[in-house]
C-alpha atoms as a PDB file:
ATOM      1  CA  UNK A   1      89.894  96.573  65.357  1.00  0.00           C
ATOM      2  CA  UNK A   2      90.862  94.636  62.270  1.00  0.00           C
ATOM      3  CA  UNK A   3      92.276  91.738  64.313  1.00  0.00           C
ATOM      4  CA  UNK A   4      89.353  91.716  66.765  1.00  0.00           C
ATOM      5  CA  UNK A   5      86.809  91.566  63.954  1.00  0.00           C
ATOM      6  CA  UNK A   6      88.817  88.904  62.142  1.00  0.00           C
ATOM      7  CA  UNK A   7      88.874  86.766  65.305  1.00  0.00           C
ATOM      8  CA  UNK A   8      85.074  87.125  65.499  1.00  0.00           C
ATOM      9  CA  UNK A   9      84.825  86.100  61.842  1.00  0.00           C
ATOM     10  CA  UNK A  10      87.016  83.033  62.446  1.00  0.00           C
ATOM     11  CA  UNK A  11      84.954  82.028  65.488  1.00  0.00           C
ATOM     12  CA  UNK A  12      81.723  82.196  63.467  1.00  0.00           C
ATOM     13  CA  UNK A  13      83.316  80.226  60.616  1.00  0.00           C
ATOM     14  CA  UNK A  14      84.540  77.594  63.067  1.00  0.00           C
ATOM     15  CA  UNK A  15      81.068  77.232  64.576  1.00  0.00           C
ATOM     16  CA  UNK A  16      79.430  76.978  61.168  1.00  0.00           C
ATOM     17  CA  UNK A  17      82.079  74.507  60.017  1.00  0.00           C
ATOM     18  CA  UNK A  18      81.409  72.333  63.049  1.00  0.00           C
ATOM     19  CA  UNK A  19      77.666  72.487  62.412  1.00  0.00           C
ATOM     20  CA  UNK A  20      78.185  71.332  58.826  1.00  0.00           C
ATOM     21  CA  UNK A  21      80.541  68.608  60.055  1.00  0.00           C
ATOM     22  CA  UNK A  22      77.837  67.329  62.395  1.00  0.00           C
ATOM     23  CA  UNK A  23      75.311  67.425  59.571  1.00  0.00           C
ATOM     24  CA  UNK A  24      77.331  65.850  56.764  1.00  0.00           C
ATOM     25  CA  UNK A  25      79.770  63.569  58.604  1.00  0.00           C
ATOM     26  CA  UNK A  26      77.891  62.648  61.784  1.00  0.00           C
ATOM     27  CA  UNK A  27      74.495  62.717  59.973  1.00  0.00           C
ATOM     28  CA  UNK A  28      72.875  64.920  62.607  1.00  0.00           C
ATOM     29  CA  UNK A  29      70.202  66.720  60.592  1.00  0.00           C
ATOM     30  CA  UNK A  30      69.401  70.268  61.721  1.00  0.00           C
ATOM     31  CA  UNK A  31      65.879  71.226  62.730  1.00  0.00           C
ATOM     32  CA  UNK A  32      64.331  74.485  61.415  1.00  0.00           C
ATOM     33  CA  UNK A  33      65.451  76.469  64.483  1.00  0.00           C
ATOM     34  CA  UNK A  34      69.014  75.173  63.981  1.00  0.00           C
ATOM     35  CA  UNK A  35      68.958  76.392  60.393  1.00  0.00           C
ATOM     36  CA  UNK A  36      67.845  79.875  61.438  1.00  0.00           C
ATOM     37  CA  UNK A  37      70.591  79.953  64.092  1.00  0.00           C
ATOM     38  CA  UNK A  38      73.091  79.131  61.343  1.00  0.00           C
ATOM     39  CA  UNK A  39      71.750  82.056  59.340  1.00  0.00           C
ATOM     40  CA  UNK A  40      72.327  84.338  62.344  1.00  0.00           C
ATOM     41  CA  UNK A  41      75.916  83.051  62.681  1.00  0.00           C
ATOM     42  CA  UNK A  42      76.421  83.578  58.957  1.00  0.00           C
ATOM     43  CA  UNK A  43      75.150  87.161  59.309  1.00  0.00           C
ATOM     44  CA  UNK A  44      77.532  87.779  62.205  1.00  0.00           C
ATOM     45  CA  UNK A  45      80.417  86.256  60.230  1.00  0.00           C
ATOM     46  CA  UNK A  46      79.698  88.460  57.215  1.00  0.00           C
ATOM     47  CA  UNK A  47      79.551  91.593  59.383  1.00  0.00           C
ATOM     48  CA  UNK A  48      82.715  90.646  61.274  1.00  0.00           C
ATOM     49  CA  UNK A  49      84.493  90.130  57.935  1.00  0.00           C
ATOM     50  CA  UNK A  50      83.264  93.460  56.584  1.00  0.00           C
ATOM     51  CA  UNK A  51      84.448  95.100  59.785  1.00  0.00           C
ATOM     52  CA  UNK A  52      87.861  93.454  59.442  1.00  0.00           C
ATOM     53  CA  UNK A  53      88.176  94.636  55.846  1.00  0.00           C
ATOM     54  CA  UNK A  54      86.887  98.140  56.552  1.00  0.00           C
ATOM     55  CA  UNK A  55      88.748  98.580  59.870  1.00  0.00           C
ATOM     56  CA  UNK A  56      86.275 101.195  61.153  1.00  0.00           C
ATOM     57  CA  UNK A  57      86.985 103.928  63.652  1.00  0.00           C
ATOM     58  CA  UNK A  58      84.705 105.894  65.984  1.00  0.00           C
ATOM     59  CA  UNK A  59      81.083 105.750  64.912  1.00  0.00           C
ATOM     60  CA  UNK A  60      81.905 103.249  62.178  1.00  0.00           C
ATOM     61  CA  UNK A  61      83.098 100.788  64.810  1.00  0.00           C
ATOM     62  CA  UNK A  62      79.992 101.414  66.868  1.00  0.00           C
ATOM     63  CA  UNK A  63      77.784 100.868  63.819  1.00  0.00           C
ATOM     64  CA  UNK A  64      79.421  97.536  63.070  1.00  0.00           C
ATOM     65  CA  UNK A  65      79.114  96.583  66.743  1.00  0.00           C
ATOM     66  CA  UNK A  66      75.396  97.370  66.726  1.00  0.00           C
ATOM     67  CA  UNK A  67      74.758  95.454  63.492  1.00  0.00           C
ATOM     68  CA  UNK A  68      76.697  92.429  64.744  1.00  0.00           C
ATOM     69  CA  UNK A  69      74.856  92.684  68.055  1.00  0.00           C
ATOM     70  CA  UNK A  70      71.509  92.735  66.267  1.00  0.00           C
ATOM     71  CA  UNK A  71      72.364  89.482  64.475  1.00  0.00           C
ATOM     72  CA  UNK A  72      73.720  88.052  67.735  1.00  0.00           C
ATOM     73  CA  UNK A  73      70.628  88.974  69.734  1.00  0.00           C
ATOM     74  CA  UNK A  74      68.334  87.488  67.090  1.00  0.00           C
ATOM     75  CA  UNK A  75      70.418  84.319  67.172  1.00  0.00           C
ATOM     76  CA  UNK A  76      70.350  84.283  70.978  1.00  0.00           C
ATOM     77  CA  UNK A  77      66.559  84.610  70.937  1.00  0.00           C
ATOM     78  CA  UNK A  78      66.326  81.658  68.539  1.00  0.00           C
ATOM     79  CA  UNK A  79      68.726  79.601  70.642  1.00  0.00           C
ATOM     80  CA  UNK A  80      66.811  80.512  73.797  1.00  0.00           C
ATOM     81  CA  UNK A  81      63.537  79.415  72.229  1.00  0.00           C
ATOM     82  CA  UNK A  82      65.197  76.191  71.092  1.00  0.00           C
ATOM     83  CA  UNK A  83      66.608  75.494  74.581  1.00  0.00           C
ATOM     84  CA  UNK A  84      63.160  76.192  76.051  1.00  0.00           C
ATOM     85  CA  UNK A  85      61.538  73.670  73.697  1.00  0.00           C
ATOM     86  CA  UNK A  86      64.110  71.075  74.727  1.00  0.00           C
ATOM     87  CA  UNK A  87      63.322  71.672  78.402  1.00  0.00           C
ATOM     88  CA  UNK A  88      59.593  70.967  78.009  1.00  0.00           C
ATOM     89  CA  UNK A  89      58.118  67.767  79.432  1.00  0.00           C
ATOM     90  CA  UNK A  90      57.345  65.228  76.671  1.00  0.00           C
ATOM     91  CA  UNK A  91      53.575  65.777  76.917  1.00  0.00           C
ATOM     92  CA  UNK A  92      53.959  69.524  76.224  1.00  0.00           C
ATOM     93  CA  UNK A  93      56.254  69.247  73.206  1.00  0.00           C
ATOM     94  CA  UNK A  94      54.604  70.576  70.021  1.00  0.00           C
ATOM     95  CA  UNK A  95      53.863  68.085  67.276  1.00  0.00           C
ATOM     96  CA  UNK A  96      56.340  67.641  64.446  1.00  0.00           C
ATOM     97  CA  UNK A  97      55.396  69.621  61.371  1.00  0.00           C
ATOM     98  CA  UNK A  98      56.468  69.536  57.759  1.00  0.00           C
ATOM     99  CA  UNK A  99      60.109  70.092  56.874  1.00  0.00           C
ATOM    100  CA  UNK A 100      61.523  73.561  56.312  1.00  0.00           C
ATOM    101  CA  UNK A 101      62.073  72.988  52.586  1.00  0.00           C
ATOM    102  CA  UNK A 102      58.464  71.956  52.091  1.00  0.00           C
ATOM    103  CA  UNK A 103      57.181  74.935  54.068  1.00  0.00           C
ATOM    104  CA  UNK A 104      59.357  77.377  52.089  1.00  0.00           C
ATOM    105  CA  UNK A 105      58.065  75.881  48.831  1.00  0.00           C
ATOM    106  CA  UNK A 106      54.370  75.997  49.754  1.00  0.00           C
ATOM    107  CA  UNK A 107      53.773  78.757  52.333  1.00  0.00           C
ATOM    108  CA  UNK A 108      54.363  82.510  52.455  1.00  0.00           C
ATOM    109  CA  UNK A 109      57.603  83.413  54.228  1.00  0.00           C
ATOM    110  CA  UNK A 110      55.837  85.135  57.132  1.00  0.00           C
ATOM    111  CA  UNK A 111      53.859  81.975  57.879  1.00  0.00           C
ATOM    112  CA  UNK A 112      57.005  79.840  57.616  1.00  0.00           C
ATOM    113  CA  UNK A 113      58.768  82.177  60.035  1.00  0.00           C
ATOM    114  CA  UNK A 114      55.867  81.974  62.488  1.00  0.00           C
ATOM    115  CA  UNK A 115      55.803  78.178  62.355  1.00  0.00           C
ATOM    116  CA  UNK A 116      59.563  77.865  62.762  1.00  0.00           C
ATOM    117  CA  UNK A 117      59.627  80.233  65.730  1.00  0.00           C
ATOM    118  CA  UNK A 118      56.811  78.357  67.437  1.00  0.00           C
ATOM    119  CA  UNK A 119      58.961  75.225  67.148  1.00  0.00           C
ATOM    120  CA  UNK A 120      58.090  71.624  66.524  1.00  0.00           C
ATOM    121  CA  UNK A 121      58.707  68.221  68.034  1.00  0.00           C
ATOM    122  CA  UNK A 122      61.918  67.737  66.116  1.00  0.00           C
ATOM    123  CA  UNK A 123      63.307  70.931  67.692  1.00  0.00           C
ATOM    124  CA  UNK A 124      62.670  69.496  71.170  1.00  0.00           C
ATOM    125  CA  UNK A 125      64.797  66.402  70.526  1.00  0.00           C
ATOM    126  CA  UNK A 126      68.213  66.439  72.196  1.00  0.00           C
ATOM    127  CA  UNK A 127      70.532  64.585  69.829  1.00  0.00           C
ATOM    128  CA  UNK A 128      73.893  66.075  70.913  1.00  0.00           C
ATOM    129  CA  UNK A 129      75.393  67.227  74.204  1.00  0.00           C
ATOM    130  CA  UNK A 130      78.781  68.447  75.369  1.00  0.00           C
ATOM    131  CA  UNK A 131      79.600  68.936  79.055  1.00  0.00           C
ATOM    132  CA  UNK A 132      75.946  68.368  79.848  1.00  0.00           C
ATOM    133  CA  UNK A 133      74.645  71.150  77.585  1.00  0.00           C
ATOM    134  CA  UNK A 134      72.747  70.623  74.352  1.00  0.00           C
ATOM    135  CA  UNK A 135      73.590  72.427  71.125  1.00  0.00           C
ATOM    136  CA  UNK A 136      71.052  75.285  71.624  1.00  0.00           C
ATOM    137  CA  UNK A 137      72.651  76.108  74.986  1.00  0.00           C
ATOM    138  CA  UNK A 138      76.107  76.193  73.403  1.00  0.00           C
ATOM    139  CA  UNK A 139      74.912  78.380  70.543  1.00  0.00           C
ATOM    140  CA  UNK A 140      73.263  80.703  73.068  1.00  0.00           C
ATOM    141  CA  UNK A 141      76.578  80.999  74.933  1.00  0.00           C
ATOM    142  CA  UNK A 142      78.423  81.723  71.665  1.00  0.00           C
ATOM    143  CA  UNK A 143      75.847  84.289  70.520  1.00  0.00           C
ATOM    144  CA  UNK A 144      76.134  86.148  73.824  1.00  0.00           C
ATOM    145  CA  UNK A 145      79.933  85.899  73.824  1.00  0.00           C
ATOM    146  CA  UNK A 146      80.368  87.089  70.236  1.00  0.00           C
ATOM    147  CA  UNK A 147      77.873  89.903  70.780  1.00  0.00           C
ATOM    148  CA  UNK A 148      79.849  91.002  73.833  1.00  0.00           C
ATOM    149  CA  UNK A 149      83.087  90.761  71.821  1.00  0.00           C
ATOM    150  CA  UNK A 150      81.662  93.004  69.096  1.00  0.00           C
ATOM    151  CA  UNK A 151      80.369  95.550  71.598  1.00  0.00           C
ATOM    152  CA  UNK A 152      83.608  95.567  73.566  1.00  0.00           C
ATOM    153  CA  UNK A 153      85.756  96.351  70.555  1.00  0.00           C
ATOM    154  CA  UNK A 154      83.160  98.470  68.749  1.00  0.00           C
ATOM    155  CA  UNK A 155      82.901 100.872  71.647  1.00  0.00           C
ATOM    156  CA  UNK A 156      86.666 100.997  72.106  1.00  0.00           C
ATOM    157  CA  UNK A 157      87.229 101.672  68.414  1.00  0.00           C
ATOM    158  CA  UNK A 158      88.206 105.329  68.769  1.00  0.00           C
ATOM    159  CA  UNK A 159      91.902 105.428  68.052  1.00  0.00           C
ATOM    160  CA  UNK A 160      93.271 107.445  70.913  1.00  0.00           C
ATOM    161  CA  UNK A 161      96.802 107.508  69.493  1.00  0.00           C
ATOM    162  CA  UNK A 162      95.647 110.083  66.928  1.00  0.00           C
ATOM    163  CA  UNK A 163      95.283 112.611  69.708  1.00  0.00           C
ATOM    164  CA  UNK A 164      98.741 111.846  71.085  1.00  0.00           C
ATOM    165  CA  UNK A 165     100.598 112.853  67.898  1.00  0.00           C
END
């Protein structure tokens, strides 16, 4: 369990590191949906790290798996919404709104969350692709994969060797 959770932690850190590389070295500024996807990856990374430190067994492993899966499913929903916005025809793309920092400074959090989830024109822009898929599609794949990883090892966390002694 400890190694499996640590691998999940390293994967999340690698993804976040690459996102920050794209932002600060390649000058690819994240849209609001990208920022919220980073928060979901950060949440998964923190839970994977806690799981690696704690090395849970039985229901503890299942609890970590469910918490990681919750963060992963929220991230997948955000990535799915982002991919959907990028697939819209240009005439159906929502207008660009104010930046996330401005909204957080001036609006209540619930309204900011609603506006971010509805998306904006900047979220529909495809500025990066790899193997024909844009960044939201890749993050969706990683969210699903890491969620599956957590569930696979969380549900197999009962240490059967205890019963063999």
